[in-house]
Protein backbone atom coordinates (compact mmCIF):
# COMPACT_ATOMS: atom_id res chain seq x y z
CA UNK A 1 40.23 6.62 5.95
CA UNK A 2 39.10 2.95 6.96
CA UNK A 3 35.38 2.89 7.20
CA UNK A 4 34.21 2.38 10.55
CA UNK A 5 31.49 0.28 12.12
CA UNK A 6 27.55 2.27 12.57
CA UNK A 7 27.29 3.38 16.23
CA UNK A 8 25.04 1.35 18.14
CA UNK A 9 23.82 4.09 20.67
CA UNK A 10 20.82 1.80 22.25
CA UNK A 11 23.86 -0.76 23.02
CA UNK A 12 25.91 1.99 24.29
CA UNK A 13 22.68 3.06 26.31
CA UNK A 14 22.04 -0.29 27.83
CA UNK A 15 25.59 -0.59 28.85
CA UNK A 16 25.32 3.11 30.49
CA UNK A 17 22.55 1.74 31.96
CA UNK A 18 24.31 -1.14 33.30
CA UNK A 19 27.06 0.83 35.10
CA UNK A 20 24.23 3.07 36.62
CA UNK A 21 22.32 0.32 38.07
CA UNK A 22 25.83 -0.54 39.91
CA UNK A 23 26.82 2.66 40.63
CA UNK A 24 22.60 2.57 42.31
CA UNK A 25 23.12 -0.94 43.91
CA UNK A 26 21.25 -0.84 47.11
CA UNK A 27 18.90 1.83 46.46
CA UNK A 28 15.67 0.05 45.69
CA UNK A 29 14.04 2.82 44.20
CA UNK A 30 16.83 3.73 42.24
CA UNK A 31 17.38 0.13 40.57
CA UNK A 32 13.14 0.31 39.17
CA UNK A 33 13.71 3.24 37.76
CA UNK A 34 16.94 2.36 36.11
CA UNK A 35 15.38 -1.04 34.99
CA UNK A 36 12.33 0.36 33.50
CA UNK A 37 14.86 2.68 31.72
CA UNK A 38 16.09 -0.39 30.83
CA UNK A 39 13.22 -2.55 30.02
CA UNK A 40 12.27 0.37 27.69
CA UNK A 41 15.45 0.72 25.44
CA UNK A 42 15.79 -3.47 24.96
CA UNK A 43 12.92 -3.00 22.73
CA UNK A 44 13.72 -0.69 20.09
CA UNK A 45 10.27 -0.22 18.13
CA UNK A 46 9.03 1.10 21.22
CA UNK A 47 11.32 3.78 21.17
CA UNK A 48 10.81 4.54 17.41
CA UNK A 49 6.94 4.85 18.51
CA UNK A 50 7.19 7.19 21.29
CA UNK A 51 10.02 8.66 19.78
CA UNK A 52 8.10 9.27 16.31
CA UNK A 53 4.68 10.16 18.72
CA UNK A 54 6.63 13.01 20.72
CA UNK A 55 8.12 14.39 17.48
CA UNK A 56 4.40 14.25 15.83
CA UNK A 57 3.01 15.73 18.51
CA UNK A 58 5.74 18.90 19.14
CA UNK A 59 7.26 19.91 15.79
CA UNK A 60 6.05 21.69 13.08
CA UNK A 61 4.87 20.35 9.52
CA UNK A 62 8.24 21.69 7.92
CA UNK A 63 10.86 20.58 10.72
CA UNK A 64 8.80 16.79 10.55
CA UNK A 65 9.71 16.94 6.13
CA UNK A 66 13.27 18.35 7.35
CA UNK A 67 13.83 14.76 9.76
CA UNK A 68 12.18 12.63 7.35
CA UNK A 69 14.70 14.15 4.23
CA UNK A 70 17.53 13.38 7.07
CA UNK A 71 16.51 9.95 8.03
CA UNK A 72 16.35 9.31 4.11
CA UNK A 73 19.05 10.64 3.15
CA UNK A 74 20.98 8.24 5.90
CA UNK A 75 21.47 4.04 4.07
CA UNK A 76 20.10 2.30 6.81
CA UNK A 77 17.45 4.68 7.71
CA UNK A 78 17.00 5.14 3.76
CA UNK A 79 16.20 0.86 4.08
CA UNK A 80 13.51 1.64 6.60
CA UNK A 81 11.75 4.60 5.04
CA UNK A 82 11.22 2.42 1.67
CA UNK A 83 9.90 -0.51 3.77
CA UNK A 84 7.58 2.23 5.54
CA UNK A 85 6.27 4.22 2.20
CA UNK A 86 6.35 0.95 0.19
CA UNK A 87 5.31 -2.23 2.65
CA UNK A 88 5.91 -4.77 -0.25
CA UNK A 89 8.51 -2.62 -1.77
CA UNK A 90 11.79 -5.04 -0.84
CA UNK A 91 11.29 -7.72 -3.37
CA UNK A 92 11.21 -7.04 -6.46
CA UNK A 93 9.63 -9.77 -7.82
CA UNK A 94 6.69 -9.29 -5.21
CA UNK A 95 6.74 -5.54 -7.05
CA UNK A 96 6.69 -7.15 -10.72
CA UNK A 97 3.80 -9.59 -8.99
CA UNK A 98 1.62 -6.54 -7.88
CA UNK A 99 2.38 -4.89 -11.17
CA UNK A 100 1.25 -7.28 -13.31
CA UNK A 101 -1.59 -8.24 -11.28
CA UNK A 102 -2.58 -4.62 -11.61
CA UNK A 103 -2.44 -5.17 -14.77
CA UNK A 104 -4.87 -7.88 -15.31
CA UNK A 105 -7.19 -6.24 -13.06
CA UNK A 106 -7.55 -3.09 -15.13
CA UNK A 107 -7.76 -5.10 -18.64
CA UNK A 108 -10.64 -7.76 -16.77
CA UNK A 109 -11.76 -4.65 -15.57
CA UNK A 110 -12.14 -2.46 -18.79
CA UNK A 111 -13.41 -5.85 -20.48
CA UNK A 112 -16.59 -6.09 -18.03
CA UNK A 113 -16.81 -2.29 -17.60
CA UNK A 114 -17.68 -2.17 -21.48
CA UNK A 115 -19.61 -5.66 -21.68
CA UNK A 116 -22.70 -3.97 -19.30
CA UNK A 117 -21.79 -0.05 -20.32
CA UNK A 118 -22.81 -1.49 -23.67
CA UNK A 119 -24.81 -4.82 -23.77
CA UNK A 120 -24.66 -6.55 -26.76
CA UNK A 121 -28.57 -6.15 -27.41
CA UNK A 122 -27.50 -2.23 -28.16
CA UNK A 123 -25.46 -3.09 -31.34
CA UNK A 124 -27.12 -6.09 -32.65
CA UNK A 125 -30.31 -5.81 -34.21
CA UNK A 126 -30.91 -8.78 -35.81
CA UNK A 127 -29.11 -11.84 -34.83
CA UNK A 128 -26.59 -13.50 -36.95
CA UNK A 129 -25.13 -17.16 -37.62
CA UNK A 130 -21.99 -17.16 -35.58
CA UNK A 131 -24.03 -16.89 -32.16
CA UNK A 132 -24.40 -19.68 -29.84
CA UNK A 133 -28.01 -20.26 -28.79
CA UNK A 134 -28.50 -18.85 -25.78
CA UNK A 135 -27.14 -15.21 -26.72
CA UNK A 136 -29.18 -15.62 -29.70
CA UNK A 137 -32.57 -16.71 -27.44
CA UNK A 138 -31.40 -13.40 -25.40
CA UNK A 139 -31.15 -11.72 -28.25
CA UNK A 140 -33.55 -12.48 -29.28
CA UNK A 141 -35.81 -12.14 -26.20
CA UNK A 142 -34.52 -8.69 -25.96
CA UNK A 143 -35.49 -6.77 -29.28
CA UNK A 144 -39.49 -8.64 -28.80
CA UNK A 145 -39.95 -7.70 -25.19
CA UNK A 146 -37.44 -4.18 -24.80
CA UNK A 147 -39.05 -3.50 -21.39
CA UNK A 148 -37.55 -6.73 -19.67
CA UNK A 149 -34.70 -3.94 -19.62
CA UNK A 150 -35.89 -1.34 -18.64
CA UNK A 151 -35.45 -1.60 -14.77
CA UNK A 152 -32.32 -3.65 -14.65
CA UNK A 153 -30.35 -1.47 -18.16
CA UNK A 154 -29.54 1.53 -15.53
CA UNK A 155 -27.99 -0.78 -12.99
CA UNK A 156 -25.51 -2.36 -15.84
CA UNK A 157 -24.75 1.55 -17.34
CA UNK A 158 -23.60 2.72 -13.76
CA UNK A 159 -21.89 -0.89 -12.65
CA UNK A 160 -20.06 -0.24 -16.35
CA UNK A 161 -18.39 3.07 -15.90
CA UNK A 162 -17.84 2.17 -11.93
CA UNK A 163 -16.19 -1.29 -13.56
CA UNK A 164 -14.13 1.26 -16.47
CA UNK A 165 -13.39 3.57 -12.97
CA UNK A 166 -11.78 0.88 -12.08
CA UNK A 167 -9.94 0.01 -14.73
CA UNK A 168 -7.99 3.73 -14.84
CA UNK A 169 -7.48 3.59 -10.94
CA UNK A 170 -5.70 0.07 -11.08
CA UNK A 171 -3.41 0.89 -14.24
CA UNK A 172 -2.62 3.85 -12.08
CA UNK A 173 -1.35 1.69 -9.82
CA UNK A 174 0.33 -0.40 -11.78
CA UNK A 175 1.91 2.85 -13.40
CA UNK A 176 3.18 3.87 -9.42
CA UNK A 177 4.76 0.94 -9.39
CA UNK A 178 6.49 0.80 -12.14
CA UNK A 179 7.60 4.40 -11.98
CA UNK A 180 9.26 3.06 -8.27
CA UNK A 181 10.79 -0.15 -10.05
CA UNK A 182 12.51 3.03 -12.36
CA UNK A 183 13.94 4.51 -9.58
CA UNK A 184 15.66 1.35 -8.14
């Protein structure tokens, strides 16, 4: 069996509209209607959007899932569905860069979260010689006057907790991308 070209149904209907235009020549109202149909069919995006709107209005959720499954099984439509599902998914390099960026975001967020949730003054009661002068002065101020932190410390704890949550969400995003990369 020879491989056949996929049917261009829109092209076929545009040809039929052209034939219909010749048949109704002279009837202005019919020509106008055929031209409107022709202009609609010449814009594939408009056809797709109108079709999806009609299907989503008139079909049940289960029927829509079946339609999407049939579309995904078709090779050409499957590619369209994957791009719709993952707009950045067409380019493997972009996927890898996105995954690396999510991991970096997670690492930075986690470090900032730990630092803000457990600030240095919690761990250092005494000043050691290996700390820089600025940190030494800050730690001295905090150890001598702990009331300085009474207002800002709860805020740092909340921000630190949020940063750790962002780190977990970023790792999850990187995991989703790696799962998608393994599927290919």
